[in-house]
Amino acid sequence: MGLIAELEGNFEEARDCYLEAVKLNDGSSYPRFCLALLYEHMDLFDEAIAAYQDTLTHNPGYVKAFFNIARLYHTQGKHEEAIRYFEKVLEGDPQNSQTYNNLGLIYEELGDLPKAIASFQTSTELDAFRPEAHMNLARALYHHHRDTINPDLLQSIIERLQMALSLDPHNPQTQALLQEVESFTSSPSSSSR
């Protein structure tokens, strides 16, 4: 019932159904997880985090709940909490390339480009078909090494961006960054690097 109400856009009815399901299935994590997802759809992020944490009390290894908590903390700009929960995701799923990509974004926002680069690199190694990780890695490398860039690294950055575009040809951020990097390679000051 809750899912149908949610799909129909009746969020209050869906919430009531999920809350009733939580009461009826006291030991189950599933209705709690559904309630958390609903709160997210309603942009009630603190309530969603609380519902995901409640999910974890009933299923302590539920990686998706850890991931969603981390993602919401990141959305709220709570970087340390987001990192802590993304690390919990990796304890349960060390091959989760999306988590490494998200960690890279956080480290980049915090200005720690070496950690960002390492995280993006791991993401691309775990999933070579993740276009955003290739683009993020290229952007971080470009910004971190821009003043000391050498032709080999520049070529590697261009290849990463081309890979990202081959996987997602219409991504405007990737297109713009590739154009910027290519114009950097043709500028007179880059030839002296």
Protein backbone atom coordinates (compact mmCIF):
# COMPACT_ATOMS: atom_id res chain seq x y z
CA MET A 1 0.00 0.00 0.00
CA GLY A 2 2.73 2.47 0.95
CA LEU A 3 4.62 1.99 -2.29
CA ILE A 4 1.47 2.47 -4.37
CA ALA A 5 0.57 5.63 -2.47
CA GLU A 6 4.14 6.90 -2.90
CA LEU A 7 4.10 6.21 -6.65
CA GLU A 8 0.82 8.11 -6.89
CA GLY A 9 2.39 11.07 -5.08
CA ASN A 10 0.36 10.61 -1.90
CA PHE A 11 3.34 11.00 0.42
CA GLU A 12 1.41 11.46 3.66
CA GLU A 13 -0.63 8.33 2.98
CA ALA A 14 2.54 6.45 2.06
CA ARG A 15 4.22 7.62 5.28
CA ASP A 16 1.24 6.42 7.33
CA CYS A 17 1.36 3.03 5.58
CA TYR A 18 5.11 2.66 6.16
CA LEU A 19 4.77 3.67 9.81
CA GLU A 20 2.03 1.08 10.24
CA ALA A 21 4.24 -1.52 8.54
CA VAL A 22 7.05 -0.64 10.96
CA LYS A 23 4.69 -1.28 13.90
CA LEU A 24 3.47 -4.58 12.45
CA ASN A 25 6.96 -5.79 11.49
CA ASP A 26 8.93 -4.61 14.49
CA GLY A 27 12.03 -6.66 13.65
CA SER A 28 12.12 -5.96 9.92
CA SER A 29 14.42 -3.41 8.32
CA TYR A 30 12.53 -3.26 5.00
CA PRO A 31 9.63 -0.94 6.01
CA ARG A 32 12.11 1.33 7.80
CA PHE A 33 14.23 1.55 4.65
CA CYS A 34 11.13 2.34 2.56
CA LEU A 35 10.17 5.04 5.06
CA ALA A 36 13.67 6.53 4.79
CA LEU A 37 13.45 6.59 0.99
CA LEU A 38 10.07 8.30 1.24
CA TYR A 39 11.46 10.95 3.57
CA GLU A 40 14.19 11.58 1.00
CA HIS A 41 11.57 12.06 -1.73
CA MET A 42 9.85 14.54 0.59
CA ASP A 43 13.19 16.38 1.12
CA LEU A 44 13.02 15.58 4.84
CA PHE A 45 16.70 14.68 5.07
CA ASP A 46 17.07 14.60 8.86
CA GLU A 47 14.05 12.30 9.12
CA ALA A 48 15.47 10.15 6.33
CA ILE A 49 18.81 9.83 8.13
CA ALA A 50 17.02 8.85 11.34
CA ALA A 51 14.96 6.23 9.48
CA TYR A 52 18.09 4.82 7.80
CA GLN A 53 19.79 4.63 11.19
CA ASP A 54 16.72 2.84 12.54
CA THR A 55 17.05 0.45 9.58
CA LEU A 56 20.63 -0.25 10.68
CA THR A 57 19.52 -1.15 14.21
CA HIS A 58 17.53 -3.99 12.64
CA ASN A 59 20.04 -4.85 9.92
CA PRO A 60 23.51 -3.65 10.98
CA GLY A 61 25.20 -4.67 7.74
CA TYR A 62 22.77 -3.02 5.33
CA VAL A 63 25.24 -1.30 3.00
CA LYS A 64 22.57 0.66 1.11
CA ALA A 65 21.47 2.32 4.35
CA PHE A 66 25.07 3.34 5.14
CA PHE A 67 25.47 4.63 1.57
CA ASN A 68 22.28 6.68 1.68
CA ILE A 69 23.15 8.20 5.06
CA ALA A 70 26.58 9.16 3.72
CA ARG A 71 25.06 10.64 0.57
CA LEU A 72 22.59 12.72 2.61
CA TYR A 73 25.31 13.97 4.94
CA HIS A 74 27.33 14.94 1.86
CA THR A 75 24.31 16.79 0.44
CA GLN A 76 24.04 18.69 3.73
CA GLY A 77 27.74 19.59 3.65
CA LYS A 78 28.53 17.43 6.69
CA HIS A 79 31.76 16.08 5.23
CA GLU A 80 33.21 14.26 8.25
CA GLU A 81 29.96 12.37 8.86
CA ALA A 82 29.70 11.54 5.16
CA ILE A 83 33.26 10.20 5.10
CA ARG A 84 32.60 8.09 8.19
CA TYR A 85 29.51 6.49 6.64
CA PHE A 86 31.12 5.99 3.22
CA GLU A 87 33.96 4.18 5.02
CA LYS A 88 31.33 1.92 6.63
CA VAL A 89 30.02 1.16 3.14
CA LEU A 90 33.52 0.07 2.14
CA GLU A 91 33.78 -2.20 5.18
CA GLY A 92 30.79 -4.13 3.86
CA ASP A 93 31.43 -3.65 0.13
CA PRO A 94 35.10 -2.85 -0.57
CA GLN A 95 34.53 -2.99 -4.33
CA ASN A 96 31.89 -0.22 -4.37
CA SER A 97 33.20 2.14 -7.05
CA GLN A 98 30.45 4.73 -6.50
CA THR A 99 31.53 5.09 -2.88
CA TYR A 100 35.12 5.80 -3.92
CA ASN A 101 33.85 8.35 -6.44
CA ASN A 102 31.75 10.06 -3.76
CA LEU A 103 34.68 10.07 -1.33
CA GLY A 104 36.75 11.70 -4.06
CA LEU A 105 34.15 14.45 -4.42
CA ILE A 106 34.23 15.11 -0.68
CA TYR A 107 38.02 15.21 -0.53
CA GLU A 108 38.02 17.54 -3.54
CA GLU A 109 35.53 19.85 -1.78
CA LEU A 110 37.78 19.80 1.29
CA GLY A 111 40.77 20.77 -0.87
CA ASP A 112 42.61 17.46 -0.37
CA LEU A 113 43.35 16.78 -4.04
CA PRO A 114 45.81 13.90 -3.44
CA LYS A 115 43.12 11.96 -1.52
CA ALA A 116 40.51 12.94 -4.12
CA ILE A 117 42.75 11.70 -6.94
CA ALA A 118 43.42 8.41 -5.13
CA SER A 119 39.68 7.88 -4.56
CA PHE A 120 38.74 8.69 -8.17
CA GLN A 121 41.55 6.44 -9.41
CA THR A 122 40.26 3.54 -7.31
CA SER A 123 36.73 4.16 -8.60
CA THR A 124 37.89 3.94 -12.22
CA GLU A 125 39.92 0.81 -11.48
CA LEU A 126 36.91 -0.90 -9.92
CA ASP A 127 34.52 0.19 -12.67
CA ALA A 128 36.08 1.34 -15.92
CA PHE A 129 32.60 2.17 -17.25
CA ARG A 130 31.80 4.91 -14.70
CA PRO A 131 32.01 8.12 -16.78
CA GLU A 132 31.71 10.51 -13.85
CA ALA A 133 34.72 8.92 -12.13
CA HIS A 134 36.87 9.39 -15.25
CA MET A 135 35.75 13.00 -15.53
CA ASN A 136 36.28 13.66 -11.83
CA LEU A 137 39.74 12.09 -11.93
CA ALA A 138 40.71 14.16 -14.97
CA ARG A 139 39.42 17.36 -13.36
CA ALA A 140 41.27 16.71 -10.08
CA LEU A 141 44.51 15.85 -11.89
CA TYR A 142 44.22 18.93 -14.07
CA HIS A 143 43.58 21.29 -11.17
CA HIS A 144 46.19 19.68 -8.91
CA HIS A 145 48.98 19.70 -11.50
CA ARG A 146 47.97 22.65 -13.65
CA ASP A 147 51.04 24.76 -12.80
CA THR A 148 53.50 21.88 -13.21
CA ILE A 149 51.76 19.73 -15.81
CA ASN A 150 53.86 17.75 -18.24
CA PRO A 151 52.82 16.56 -21.73
CA ASP A 152 52.36 12.92 -20.64
CA LEU A 153 50.04 13.85 -17.79
CA LEU A 154 48.15 16.25 -20.04
CA GLN A 155 47.67 13.46 -22.58
CA SER A 156 46.46 11.14 -19.80
CA ILE A 157 43.92 13.75 -18.68
CA ILE A 158 42.66 14.16 -22.25
CA GLU A 159 42.33 10.38 -22.62
CA ARG A 160 40.34 10.20 -19.36
CA LEU A 161 37.98 12.89 -20.62
CA GLN A 162 37.61 11.16 -23.98
CA MET A 163 36.81 7.91 -22.14
CA ALA A 164 34.18 9.73 -20.08
CA LEU A 165 32.65 11.18 -23.24
CA SER A 166 32.64 7.80 -24.96
CA LEU A 167 30.54 6.52 -22.03
CA ASP A 168 28.38 9.65 -21.69
CA PRO A 169 28.67 11.65 -24.94
CA HIS A 170 26.32 14.47 -23.96
CA ASN A 171 27.79 15.44 -20.58
CA PRO A 172 28.27 19.23 -20.75
CA GLN A 173 30.75 19.37 -17.85
CA THR A 174 33.01 16.80 -19.48
CA GLN A 175 32.75 18.55 -22.85
CA ALA A 176 33.64 21.91 -21.27
CA LEU A 177 36.59 20.49 -19.33
CA LEU A 178 37.95 18.72 -22.42
CA GLN A 179 37.70 21.97 -24.36
CA GLU A 180 39.52 23.83 -21.55
CA VAL A 181 42.29 21.22 -21.34
CA GLU A 182 42.72 21.12 -25.11
CA SER A 183 42.94 24.91 -25.27
CA PHE A 184 45.51 24.77 -22.46
CA THR A 185 47.65 22.41 -24.54
CA SER A 186 47.60 24.79 -27.50
CA SER A 187 48.34 27.95 -25.48
CA PRO A 188 51.86 29.41 -25.87
CA SER A 189 52.58 29.18 -22.13
CA SER A 190 51.90 25.43 -22.08
CA SER A 191 54.67 24.75 -24.58
CA SER A 192 57.23 25.95 -22.05
CA ARG A 193 56.06 23.48 -19.38
